[in-house]
Amino acid sequence: MQLASALASGVALGAIYALVAAGLNLIFGVTKIINFAQGALLTVALYCIYIFHVVTGGNSYVTLPAVVVVMGGLGYLVHIGLIDRVLKKERTSQLLITFGLALALKHLCLAIWGSDHRTVNASFADRVVALGGVRITLGSLIAVAGSALTVSLLFLFLHRTRLGTAIRAVAQQPESAELAGMNVRRIFAVAFAVGTALTGVAAALMAPIYSIHPDAGDTFGVMAFIVVILGGLGSVFGATAAAIVIGICQSVFATLVSVQMSTAFVFLVFIVAMIAKPNGLFGRSARVA
C-alpha cells in the first residue's frame, strides 16, 4: 500500500517535471538555446500565482489563464530583448546570458518577497482520494491530468496548426524557412514565449502542493535538464516518459529509503542511464519540431 501510494505520488511529481521540461525542450528544439533560466521563470510564475491569489482571492487553477498569458508575454520580451541578441554568437555567450537571467530573476524575487515560504491553498486540493486502495491527494491527480492535457495540446498545436507547422519548419531548416518568406526571428520569439508559458501551467498545478519561495524553481529546473537529456533532446514523448520515470524513482526512494538522499539517487539513475544510452532513452526519434 505504501509503495503504491509512493508510485502514485511519483507520477504526479513526474507530471510537473514533464511540463517544465516540455518548455525547455521546445525552446532548445527551435532556437537551439539551452535555457538555464527555466527554473527561475518557474519561480516567477509561482509568485505571479501568489499575487493573483492575494489580489483576487482565487486559487491557482482559477488564475491559470492569466498567469499563462503573463509568462508567455514575459518570455516573448525576454527573447526579443536578450536572447535574440546572442543567437548568432558563440555558445558560451548564449549559456551565460540565460544563466545570468536565472540569477537576476531569482534574486529579484528574493529582494521583493524575502525568503519566507508562502502558500496558495485550494481546500479541495488537499482532499485524499482512494483509488483501488491507493491514496493520493486531489491536487496530485489534477497535476497529472493537467500535465497530460497540456502536453497533448502542445503536440496538437505543433502538428495541427499553421503556426505550429511554421515553428517546426523553422526548427528543422531555418535558412529554408527564411527563404520561403517566414519571419524566423519572430518564430523564435513565439517558441520561446510558448516554452515560457508552460512554466505558468506548471506553477498553477504545483502551487497547491508546494510552498512558494525564491528557490522553489531550482530543483524543478535542474530536474527538467535531466529529463530532457534522458528522454532525448527534442523528443516530447521521450521527455515525458523520462519525467515519469524520474518522478517515480525519486518518490519511491524518498518513501522507502531516505527523503534527504532521494535527489542524489535521481542523479545516480541519470548517470547510469547515460552510460547505458548516451543519446537518451528515445534519442531524437520524436522531435518537437
C-alpha atoms as a PDB file:
ATOM      1  CA  MET A   1       0.000   0.000   0.000  1.00  0.00           C
ATOM      2  CA  GLN A   2       2.800   2.401   0.906  1.00  0.00           C
ATOM      3  CA  LEU A   3       4.667   1.513  -2.276  1.00  0.00           C
ATOM      4  CA  ALA A   4       1.544   2.021  -4.403  1.00  0.00           C
ATOM      5  CA  SER A   5       0.962   5.465  -2.893  1.00  0.00           C
ATOM      6  CA  ALA A   6       4.626   6.335  -3.487  1.00  0.00           C
ATOM      7  CA  LEU A   7       4.242   5.309  -7.133  1.00  0.00           C
ATOM      8  CA  ALA A   8       1.162   7.493  -7.487  1.00  0.00           C
ATOM      9  CA  SER A   9       2.951  10.454  -5.894  1.00  0.00           C
ATOM     10  CA  GLY A  10       5.907   9.824  -8.206  1.00  0.00           C
ATOM     11  CA  VAL A  11       3.674  10.031 -11.266  1.00  0.00           C
ATOM     12  CA  ALA A  12       2.300  13.359 -10.016  1.00  0.00           C
ATOM     13  CA  LEU A  13       5.814  14.684  -9.402  1.00  0.00           C
ATOM     14  CA  GLY A  14       6.902  13.454 -12.814  1.00  0.00           C
ATOM     15  CA  ALA A  15       3.951  15.252 -14.389  1.00  0.00           C
ATOM     16  CA  ILE A  16       5.264  18.589 -13.106  1.00  0.00           C
ATOM     17  CA  TYR A  17       8.781  17.732 -14.291  1.00  0.00           C
ATOM     18  CA  ALA A  18       7.316  16.885 -17.709  1.00  0.00           C
ATOM     19  CA  LEU A  19       5.683  20.302 -18.091  1.00  0.00           C
ATOM     20  CA  VAL A  20       8.816  22.254 -17.150  1.00  0.00           C
ATOM     21  CA  ALA A  21      10.893  20.010 -19.410  1.00  0.00           C
ATOM     22  CA  ALA A  22       8.433  20.403 -22.301  1.00  0.00           C
ATOM     23  CA  GLY A  23       9.040  24.146 -22.321  1.00  0.00           C
ATOM     24  CA  LEU A  24      12.787  23.662 -22.077  1.00  0.00           C
ATOM     25  CA  ASN A  25      12.683  21.089 -24.872  1.00  0.00           C
ATOM     26  CA  LEU A  26      10.617  23.298 -27.158  1.00  0.00           C
ATOM     27  CA  ILE A  27      12.956  26.258 -26.698  1.00  0.00           C
ATOM     28  CA  PHE A  28      16.010  24.129 -27.415  1.00  0.00           C
ATOM     29  CA  GLY A  29      14.389  22.324 -30.332  1.00  0.00           C
ATOM     30  CA  VAL A  30      13.569  25.592 -32.113  1.00  0.00           C
ATOM     31  CA  THR A  31      16.182  28.152 -31.075  1.00  0.00           C
ATOM     32  CA  LYS A  32      18.964  25.689 -30.129  1.00  0.00           C
ATOM     33  CA  ILE A  33      19.369  27.727 -26.926  1.00  0.00           C
ATOM     34  CA  ILE A  34      19.826  25.858 -23.639  1.00  0.00           C
ATOM     35  CA  ASN A  35      17.677  27.946 -21.311  1.00  0.00           C
ATOM     36  CA  PHE A  36      19.250  27.877 -17.849  1.00  0.00           C
ATOM     37  CA  ALA A  37      16.588  30.341 -16.698  1.00  0.00           C
ATOM     38  CA  GLN A  38      13.695  27.856 -16.993  1.00  0.00           C
ATOM     39  CA  GLY A  39      13.727  27.107 -13.255  1.00  0.00           C
ATOM     40  CA  ALA A  40      13.866  30.806 -12.363  1.00  0.00           C
ATOM     41  CA  LEU A  41      10.987  31.531 -14.740  1.00  0.00           C
ATOM     42  CA  LEU A  42       9.006  28.845 -12.924  1.00  0.00           C
ATOM     43  CA  THR A  43       9.703  30.704  -9.664  1.00  0.00           C
ATOM     44  CA  VAL A  44       8.431  33.932 -11.239  1.00  0.00           C
ATOM     45  CA  ALA A  45       5.304  32.092 -12.382  1.00  0.00           C
ATOM     46  CA  LEU A  46       4.722  30.833  -8.840  1.00  0.00           C
ATOM     47  CA  TYR A  47       4.934  34.368  -7.473  1.00  0.00           C
ATOM     48  CA  CYS A  48       2.521  35.511 -10.194  1.00  0.00           C
ATOM     49  CA  ILE A  49       0.106  32.870  -8.907  1.00  0.00           C
ATOM     50  CA  TYR A  50       0.616  34.203  -5.396  1.00  0.00           C
ATOM     51  CA  ILE A  51      -0.004  37.819  -6.470  1.00  0.00           C
ATOM     52  CA  PHE A  52      -3.209  36.919  -8.300  1.00  0.00           C
ATOM     53  CA  HIS A  53      -4.293  34.891  -5.268  1.00  0.00           C
ATOM     54  CA  VAL A  54      -3.745  37.828  -2.901  1.00  0.00           C
ATOM     55  CA  VAL A  55      -5.425  40.349  -5.207  1.00  0.00           C
ATOM     56  CA  THR A  56      -8.400  38.284  -6.378  1.00  0.00           C
ATOM     57  CA  GLY A  57      -8.668  35.595  -3.712  1.00  0.00           C
ATOM     58  CA  GLY A  58      -8.855  32.914  -6.404  1.00  0.00           C
ATOM     59  CA  ASN A  59      -6.947  29.644  -6.211  1.00  0.00           C
ATOM     60  CA  SER A  60      -4.159  28.742  -8.623  1.00  0.00           C
ATOM     61  CA  TYR A  61      -6.449  26.863 -11.013  1.00  0.00           C
ATOM     62  CA  VAL A  62      -8.660  29.915 -11.470  1.00  0.00           C
ATOM     63  CA  THR A  63      -5.676  32.183 -12.107  1.00  0.00           C
ATOM     64  CA  LEU A  64      -4.023  29.742 -14.561  1.00  0.00           C
ATOM     65  CA  PRO A  65      -5.115  31.517 -17.795  1.00  0.00           C
ATOM     66  CA  ALA A  66      -3.900  34.908 -16.565  1.00  0.00           C
ATOM     67  CA  VAL A  67      -0.543  33.518 -15.424  1.00  0.00           C
ATOM     68  CA  VAL A  68      -0.036  31.686 -18.723  1.00  0.00           C
ATOM     69  CA  VAL A  69      -0.622  34.932 -20.634  1.00  0.00           C
ATOM     70  CA  VAL A  70       1.736  36.889 -18.336  1.00  0.00           C
ATOM     71  CA  MET A  71       4.500  34.272 -18.593  1.00  0.00           C
ATOM     72  CA  GLY A  72       4.083  33.975 -22.355  1.00  0.00           C
ATOM     73  CA  GLY A  73       4.406  37.755 -22.673  1.00  0.00           C
ATOM     74  CA  LEU A  74       7.437  37.757 -20.397  1.00  0.00           C
ATOM     75  CA  GLY A  75       9.046  35.015 -22.456  1.00  0.00           C
ATOM     76  CA  TYR A  76       8.456  36.959 -25.659  1.00  0.00           C
ATOM     77  CA  LEU A  77      10.028  40.102 -24.176  1.00  0.00           C
ATOM     78  CA  VAL A  78      12.989  38.151 -22.787  1.00  0.00           C
ATOM     79  CA  HIS A  79      13.665  36.697 -26.196  1.00  0.00           C
ATOM     80  CA  ILE A  80      13.486  39.901 -28.214  1.00  0.00           C
ATOM     81  CA  GLY A  81      15.337  41.864 -25.530  1.00  0.00           C
ATOM     82  CA  LEU A  82      18.096  39.398 -24.612  1.00  0.00           C
ATOM     83  CA  ILE A  83      18.149  36.047 -26.390  1.00  0.00           C
ATOM     84  CA  ASP A  84      17.784  37.417 -29.907  1.00  0.00           C
ATOM     85  CA  ARG A  85      20.970  39.431 -29.435  1.00  0.00           C
ATOM     86  CA  VAL A  86      23.122  36.313 -28.883  1.00  0.00           C
ATOM     87  CA  LEU A  87      21.512  33.825 -31.283  1.00  0.00           C
ATOM     88  CA  LYS A  88      24.334  34.143 -33.787  1.00  0.00           C
ATOM     89  CA  LYS A  89      27.092  34.457 -31.207  1.00  0.00           C
ATOM     90  CA  GLU A  90      29.188  31.673 -29.750  1.00  0.00           C
ATOM     91  CA  ARG A  91      27.590  29.092 -27.450  1.00  0.00           C
ATOM     92  CA  THR A  92      29.320  30.496 -24.362  1.00  0.00           C
ATOM     93  CA  SER A  93      27.542  33.840 -24.725  1.00  0.00           C
ATOM     94  CA  GLN A  94      24.189  32.085 -25.061  1.00  0.00           C
ATOM     95  CA  LEU A  95      24.740  29.985 -21.948  1.00  0.00           C
ATOM     96  CA  LEU A  96      25.982  32.908 -19.880  1.00  0.00           C
ATOM     97  CA  ILE A  97      23.063  35.199 -20.754  1.00  0.00           C
ATOM     98  CA  THR A  98      20.443  32.616 -19.697  1.00  0.00           C
ATOM     99  CA  PHE A  99      22.460  31.766 -16.582  1.00  0.00           C
ATOM    100  CA  GLY A 100      22.713  35.460 -15.727  1.00  0.00           C
ATOM    101  CA  LEU A 101      18.988  35.873 -16.321  1.00  0.00           C
ATOM    102  CA  ALA A 102      18.299  32.999 -13.924  1.00  0.00           C
ATOM    103  CA  LEU A 103      20.361  34.626 -11.173  1.00  0.00           C
ATOM    104  CA  ALA A 104      18.766  38.026 -11.781  1.00  0.00           C
ATOM    105  CA  LEU A 105      15.207  36.674 -11.604  1.00  0.00           C
ATOM    106  CA  LYS A 106      15.910  34.596  -8.513  1.00  0.00           C
ATOM    107  CA  HIS A 107      17.484  37.445  -6.575  1.00  0.00           C
ATOM    108  CA  LEU A 108      14.786  39.863  -7.736  1.00  0.00           C
ATOM    109  CA  CYS A 109      12.181  37.558  -6.187  1.00  0.00           C
ATOM    110  CA  LEU A 110      14.306  37.357  -3.048  1.00  0.00           C
ATOM    111  CA  ALA A 111      14.597  41.144  -2.853  1.00  0.00           C
ATOM    112  CA  ILE A 112      10.865  41.715  -3.306  1.00  0.00           C
ATOM    113  CA  TRP A 113       9.345  38.909  -1.246  1.00  0.00           C
ATOM    114  CA  GLY A 114      12.187  37.792   1.007  1.00  0.00           C
ATOM    115  CA  SER A 115      12.990  34.195   1.844  1.00  0.00           C
ATOM    116  CA  ASP A 116       9.682  33.394   3.575  1.00  0.00           C
ATOM    117  CA  HIS A 117       7.697  30.431   2.318  1.00  0.00           C
ATOM    118  CA  ARG A 118       4.236  31.338   1.069  1.00  0.00           C
ATOM    119  CA  THR A 119       1.283  29.179   0.112  1.00  0.00           C
ATOM    120  CA  VAL A 120      -1.699  29.333  -2.196  1.00  0.00           C
ATOM    121  CA  ASN A 121      -4.214  26.960  -0.687  1.00  0.00           C
ATOM    122  CA  ALA A 122      -7.063  25.282  -2.539  1.00  0.00           C
ATOM    123  CA  SER A 123      -9.048  23.446   0.120  1.00  0.00           C
ATOM    124  CA  PHE A 124     -10.179  20.665  -2.202  1.00  0.00           C
ATOM    125  CA  ALA A 125      -6.616  20.042  -3.432  1.00  0.00           C
ATOM    126  CA  ASP A 126      -5.656  18.544  -0.059  1.00  0.00           C
ATOM    127  CA  ARG A 127      -8.555  16.107  -0.119  1.00  0.00           C
ATOM    128  CA  VAL A 128      -7.323  12.493  -0.168  1.00  0.00           C
ATOM    129  CA  VAL A 129      -8.792  10.238  -2.824  1.00  0.00           C
ATOM    130  CA  ALA A 130      -8.657   6.431  -2.626  1.00  0.00           C
ATOM    131  CA  LEU A 131      -8.308   4.694  -5.991  1.00  0.00           C
ATOM    132  CA  GLY A 132      -8.187   0.928  -5.712  1.00  0.00           C
ATOM    133  CA  GLY A 133      -6.596   1.199  -2.300  1.00  0.00           C
ATOM    134  CA  VAL A 134      -4.066   3.820  -3.427  1.00  0.00           C
ATOM    135  CA  ARG A 135      -4.376   7.082  -1.504  1.00  0.00           C
ATOM    136  CA  ILE A 136      -3.437  10.279  -3.330  1.00  0.00           C
ATOM    137  CA  THR A 137      -4.416  13.909  -2.933  1.00  0.00           C
ATOM    138  CA  LEU A 138      -6.821  15.509  -5.370  1.00  0.00           C
ATOM    139  CA  GLY A 139      -4.189  18.161  -6.124  1.00  0.00           C
ATOM    140  CA  SER A 140      -1.807  15.462  -7.336  1.00  0.00           C
ATOM    141  CA  LEU A 141      -4.491  13.947  -9.546  1.00  0.00           C
ATOM    142  CA  ILE A 142      -5.213  17.361 -11.039  1.00  0.00           C
ATOM    143  CA  ALA A 143      -1.480  17.808 -11.678  1.00  0.00           C
ATOM    144  CA  VAL A 144      -1.313  14.527 -13.607  1.00  0.00           C
ATOM    145  CA  ALA A 145      -4.446  15.263 -15.633  1.00  0.00           C
ATOM    146  CA  GLY A 146      -3.423  18.862 -16.286  1.00  0.00           C
ATOM    147  CA  SER A 147       0.052  17.878 -17.405  1.00  0.00           C
ATOM    148  CA  ALA A 148      -1.242  15.161 -19.738  1.00  0.00           C
ATOM    149  CA  LEU A 149      -3.764  17.560 -21.256  1.00  0.00           C
ATOM    150  CA  THR A 150      -1.185  20.330 -21.696  1.00  0.00           C
ATOM    151  CA  VAL A 151       1.415  18.081 -23.350  1.00  0.00           C
ATOM    152  CA  SER A 152      -1.291  16.708 -25.677  1.00  0.00           C
ATOM    153  CA  LEU A 153      -2.420  20.229 -26.589  1.00  0.00           C
ATOM    154  CA  LEU A 154       1.203  21.214 -27.224  1.00  0.00           C
ATOM    155  CA  PHE A 155       1.582  18.275 -29.599  1.00  0.00           C
ATOM    156  CA  LEU A 156      -1.633  19.210 -31.408  1.00  0.00           C
ATOM    157  CA  PHE A 157      -0.545  22.845 -31.586  1.00  0.00           C
ATOM    158  CA  LEU A 158       2.765  21.895 -33.188  1.00  0.00           C
ATOM    159  CA  HIS A 159       1.267  19.408 -35.662  1.00  0.00           C
ATOM    160  CA  ARG A 160      -2.245  20.668 -36.400  1.00  0.00           C
ATOM    161  CA  THR A 161      -1.952  24.460 -36.557  1.00  0.00           C
ATOM    162  CA  ARG A 162      -0.401  26.784 -39.112  1.00  0.00           C
ATOM    163  CA  LEU A 163       1.786  28.486 -36.505  1.00  0.00           C
ATOM    164  CA  GLY A 164       2.875  25.139 -35.111  1.00  0.00           C
ATOM    165  CA  THR A 165       3.844  23.975 -38.602  1.00  0.00           C
ATOM    166  CA  ALA A 166       5.853  27.179 -39.053  1.00  0.00           C
ATOM    167  CA  ILE A 167       7.640  26.540 -35.741  1.00  0.00           C
ATOM    168  CA  ARG A 168       8.555  23.005 -36.834  1.00  0.00           C
ATOM    169  CA  ALA A 169       9.722  24.247 -40.220  1.00  0.00           C
ATOM    170  CA  VAL A 170      11.958  26.899 -38.646  1.00  0.00           C
ATOM    171  CA  ALA A 171      13.351  24.352 -36.189  1.00  0.00           C
ATOM    172  CA  GLN A 172      14.266  21.930 -38.977  1.00  0.00           C
ATOM    173  CA  GLN A 173      15.530  24.317 -41.654  1.00  0.00           C
ATOM    174  CA  PRO A 174      15.688  27.968 -40.520  1.00  0.00           C
ATOM    175  CA  GLU A 175      17.511  29.092 -43.655  1.00  0.00           C
ATOM    176  CA  SER A 176      14.996  27.458 -45.986  1.00  0.00           C
ATOM    177  CA  ALA A 177      12.106  28.811 -43.903  1.00  0.00           C
ATOM    178  CA  GLU A 178      13.527  32.316 -44.215  1.00  0.00           C
ATOM    179  CA  LEU A 179      13.877  31.924 -47.975  1.00  0.00           C
ATOM    180  CA  ALA A 180      10.222  30.839 -48.048  1.00  0.00           C
ATOM    181  CA  GLY A 181       9.259  34.187 -46.537  1.00  0.00           C
ATOM    182  CA  MET A 182       8.886  33.262 -42.877  1.00  0.00           C
ATOM    183  CA  ASN A 183       9.940  35.723 -40.200  1.00  0.00           C
ATOM    184  CA  VAL A 184      12.376  33.385 -38.458  1.00  0.00           C
ATOM    185  CA  ARG A 185      13.215  35.784 -35.637  1.00  0.00           C
ATOM    186  CA  ARG A 186       9.526  36.191 -34.821  1.00  0.00           C
ATOM    187  CA  ILE A 187       9.012  32.417 -34.831  1.00  0.00           C
ATOM    188  CA  PHE A 188      11.949  32.036 -32.441  1.00  0.00           C
ATOM    189  CA  ALA A 189      10.335  34.573 -30.106  1.00  0.00           C
ATOM    190  CA  VAL A 190       6.961  32.804 -30.282  1.00  0.00           C
ATOM    191  CA  ALA A 191       8.578  29.439 -29.491  1.00  0.00           C
ATOM    192  CA  PHE A 192      10.390  30.953 -26.515  1.00  0.00           C
ATOM    193  CA  ALA A 193       7.110  32.521 -25.369  1.00  0.00           C
ATOM    194  CA  VAL A 194       5.255  29.199 -25.591  1.00  0.00           C
ATOM    195  CA  GLY A 195       8.062  27.410 -23.740  1.00  0.00           C
ATOM    196  CA  THR A 196       7.918  30.050 -21.004  1.00  0.00           C
ATOM    197  CA  ALA A 197       4.110  29.960 -20.867  1.00  0.00           C
ATOM    198  CA  LEU A 198       4.352  26.267 -19.968  1.00  0.00           C
ATOM    199  CA  THR A 199       6.029  27.282 -16.703  1.00  0.00           C
ATOM    200  CA  GLY A 200       2.820  29.150 -15.931  1.00  0.00           C
ATOM    201  CA  VAL A 201       0.810  25.955 -16.326  1.00  0.00           C
ATOM    202  CA  ALA A 202       3.314  24.042 -14.187  1.00  0.00           C
ATOM    203  CA  ALA A 203       3.164  26.745 -11.500  1.00  0.00           C
ATOM    204  CA  ALA A 204      -0.635  26.649 -11.376  1.00  0.00           C
ATOM    205  CA  LEU A 205      -0.612  22.875 -10.941  1.00  0.00           C
ATOM    206  CA  MET A 206       2.115  22.780  -8.293  1.00  0.00           C
ATOM    207  CA  ALA A 207       1.123  25.862  -6.227  1.00  0.00           C
ATOM    208  CA  PRO A 208      -1.495  23.983  -4.142  1.00  0.00           C
ATOM    209  CA  ILE A 209       1.046  21.213  -3.451  1.00  0.00           C
ATOM    210  CA  TYR A 210       4.335  23.051  -2.838  1.00  0.00           C
ATOM    211  CA  SER A 211       5.270  26.214  -0.974  1.00  0.00           C
ATOM    212  CA  ILE A 212       6.420  29.309  -2.865  1.00  0.00           C
ATOM    213  CA  HIS A 213       9.884  30.772  -2.172  1.00  0.00           C
ATOM    214  CA  PRO A 214      12.820  32.164  -4.232  1.00  0.00           C
ATOM    215  CA  ASP A 215      14.441  28.716  -4.563  1.00  0.00           C
ATOM    216  CA  ALA A 216      11.209  26.923  -5.474  1.00  0.00           C
ATOM    217  CA  GLY A 217      12.047  26.546  -9.158  1.00  0.00           C
ATOM    218  CA  ASP A 218      15.671  25.480  -8.739  1.00  0.00           C
ATOM    219  CA  THR A 219      15.088  21.769  -8.221  1.00  0.00           C
ATOM    220  CA  PHE A 220      12.462  21.607 -10.951  1.00  0.00           C
ATOM    221  CA  GLY A 221      14.760  23.454 -13.344  1.00  0.00           C
ATOM    222  CA  VAL A 222      17.628  21.026 -12.715  1.00  0.00           C
ATOM    223  CA  MET A 223      15.317  18.038 -12.995  1.00  0.00           C
ATOM    224  CA  ALA A 224      13.982  19.421 -16.271  1.00  0.00           C
ATOM    225  CA  PHE A 225      17.506  19.306 -17.724  1.00  0.00           C
ATOM    226  CA  ILE A 226      17.909  15.718 -16.566  1.00  0.00           C
ATOM    227  CA  VAL A 227      14.544  14.801 -18.058  1.00  0.00           C
ATOM    228  CA  VAL A 228      15.295  16.444 -21.401  1.00  0.00           C
ATOM    229  CA  ILE A 229      18.696  14.778 -21.727  1.00  0.00           C
ATOM    230  CA  LEU A 230      17.452  11.407 -20.505  1.00  0.00           C
ATOM    231  CA  GLY A 231      14.446  11.482 -22.805  1.00  0.00           C
ATOM    232  CA  GLY A 232      16.482  12.662 -25.775  1.00  0.00           C
ATOM    233  CA  LEU A 233      16.916  16.282 -26.848  1.00  0.00           C
ATOM    234  CA  GLY A 234      13.968  17.313 -28.990  1.00  0.00           C
ATOM    235  CA  SER A 235      11.731  14.384 -28.036  1.00  0.00           C
ATOM    236  CA  VAL A 236       8.421  15.447 -26.446  1.00  0.00           C
ATOM    237  CA  PHE A 237       7.192  11.982 -25.546  1.00  0.00           C
ATOM    238  CA  GLY A 238      10.689  10.818 -24.632  1.00  0.00           C
ATOM    239  CA  ALA A 239      10.979  13.660 -22.143  1.00  0.00           C
ATOM    240  CA  THR A 240       7.504  12.904 -20.767  1.00  0.00           C
ATOM    241  CA  ALA A 241       8.371   9.249 -20.219  1.00  0.00           C
ATOM    242  CA  ALA A 242      11.697  10.198 -18.639  1.00  0.00           C
ATOM    243  CA  ALA A 243       9.916  12.677 -16.340  1.00  0.00           C
ATOM    244  CA  ILE A 244       7.563   9.965 -15.059  1.00  0.00           C
ATOM    245  CA  VAL A 245      10.486   7.578 -14.506  1.00  0.00           C
ATOM    246  CA  ILE A 246      12.457  10.220 -12.610  1.00  0.00           C
ATOM    247  CA  GLY A 247       9.428  11.219 -10.541  1.00  0.00           C
ATOM    248  CA  ILE A 248       8.692   7.611  -9.563  1.00  0.00           C
ATOM    249  CA  CYS A 249      12.330   6.875  -8.709  1.00  0.00           C
ATOM    250  CA  GLN A 250      12.567   9.951  -6.507  1.00  0.00           C
ATOM    251  CA  SER A 251       9.248   9.367  -4.746  1.00  0.00           C
ATOM    252  CA  VAL A 252       9.783   5.650  -4.100  1.00  0.00           C
ATOM    253  CA  PHE A 253      13.316   6.183  -2.820  1.00  0.00           C
ATOM    254  CA  ALA A 254      12.151   9.016  -0.556  1.00  0.00           C
ATOM    255  CA  THR A 255       9.361   6.832   0.852  1.00  0.00           C
ATOM    256  CA  LEU A 256      11.280   3.604   1.347  1.00  0.00           C
ATOM    257  CA  VAL A 257      14.846   4.790   1.991  1.00  0.00           C
ATOM    258  CA  SER A 258      15.567   8.481   2.616  1.00  0.00           C
ATOM    259  CA  VAL A 259      13.989  11.800   1.671  1.00  0.00           C
ATOM    260  CA  GLN A 260      17.330  13.595   2.000  1.00  0.00           C
ATOM    261  CA  MET A 261      19.079  11.199  -0.381  1.00  0.00           C
ATOM    262  CA  SER A 262      16.296  10.958  -2.967  1.00  0.00           C
ATOM    263  CA  THR A 263      17.696  13.704  -5.219  1.00  0.00           C
ATOM    264  CA  ALA A 264      21.155  12.118  -5.107  1.00  0.00           C
ATOM    265  CA  PHE A 265      19.557   8.817  -6.122  1.00  0.00           C
ATOM    266  CA  VAL A 266      17.978  10.507  -9.157  1.00  0.00           C
ATOM    267  CA  PHE A 267      21.386  11.770 -10.252  1.00  0.00           C
ATOM    268  CA  LEU A 268      22.782   8.246  -9.856  1.00  0.00           C
ATOM    269  CA  VAL A 269      19.977   6.858 -12.029  1.00  0.00           C
ATOM    270  CA  PHE A 270      20.698   9.570 -14.588  1.00  0.00           C
ATOM    271  CA  ILE A 271      24.428   8.763 -14.698  1.00  0.00           C
ATOM    272  CA  VAL A 272      23.802   5.036 -15.111  1.00  0.00           C
ATOM    273  CA  ALA A 273      21.203   5.664 -17.838  1.00  0.00           C
ATOM    274  CA  MET A 274      23.578   7.957 -19.743  1.00  0.00           C
ATOM    275  CA  ILE A 275      26.330   5.344 -19.619  1.00  0.00           C
ATOM    276  CA  ALA A 276      23.922   2.732 -20.968  1.00  0.00           C
ATOM    277  CA  LYS A 277      22.253   5.003 -23.557  1.00  0.00           C
ATOM    278  CA  PRO A 278      24.298   8.164 -24.258  1.00  0.00           C
ATOM    279  CA  ASN A 279      21.684   9.513 -26.712  1.00  0.00           C
ATOM    280  CA  GLY A 280      18.870   9.269 -24.185  1.00  0.00           C
ATOM    281  CA  LEU A 281      16.036   6.779 -23.869  1.00  0.00           C
ATOM    282  CA  PHE A 282      14.390   7.845 -27.127  1.00  0.00           C
ATOM    283  CA  GLY A 283      17.195   9.701 -28.893  1.00  0.00           C
ATOM    284  CA  ARG A 284      15.751  12.062 -31.486  1.00  0.00           C
ATOM    285  CA  SER A 285      13.037   9.780 -32.769  1.00  0.00           C
ATOM    286  CA  ALA A 286      10.134  12.038 -31.776  1.00  0.00           C
ATOM    287  CA  ARG A 287      11.231  15.604 -32.243  1.00  0.00           C
ATOM    288  CA  VAL A 288       9.170  18.595 -31.188  1.00  0.00           C
ATOM    289  CA  ALA A 289       9.963  20.244 -34.441  1.00  0.00           C
END
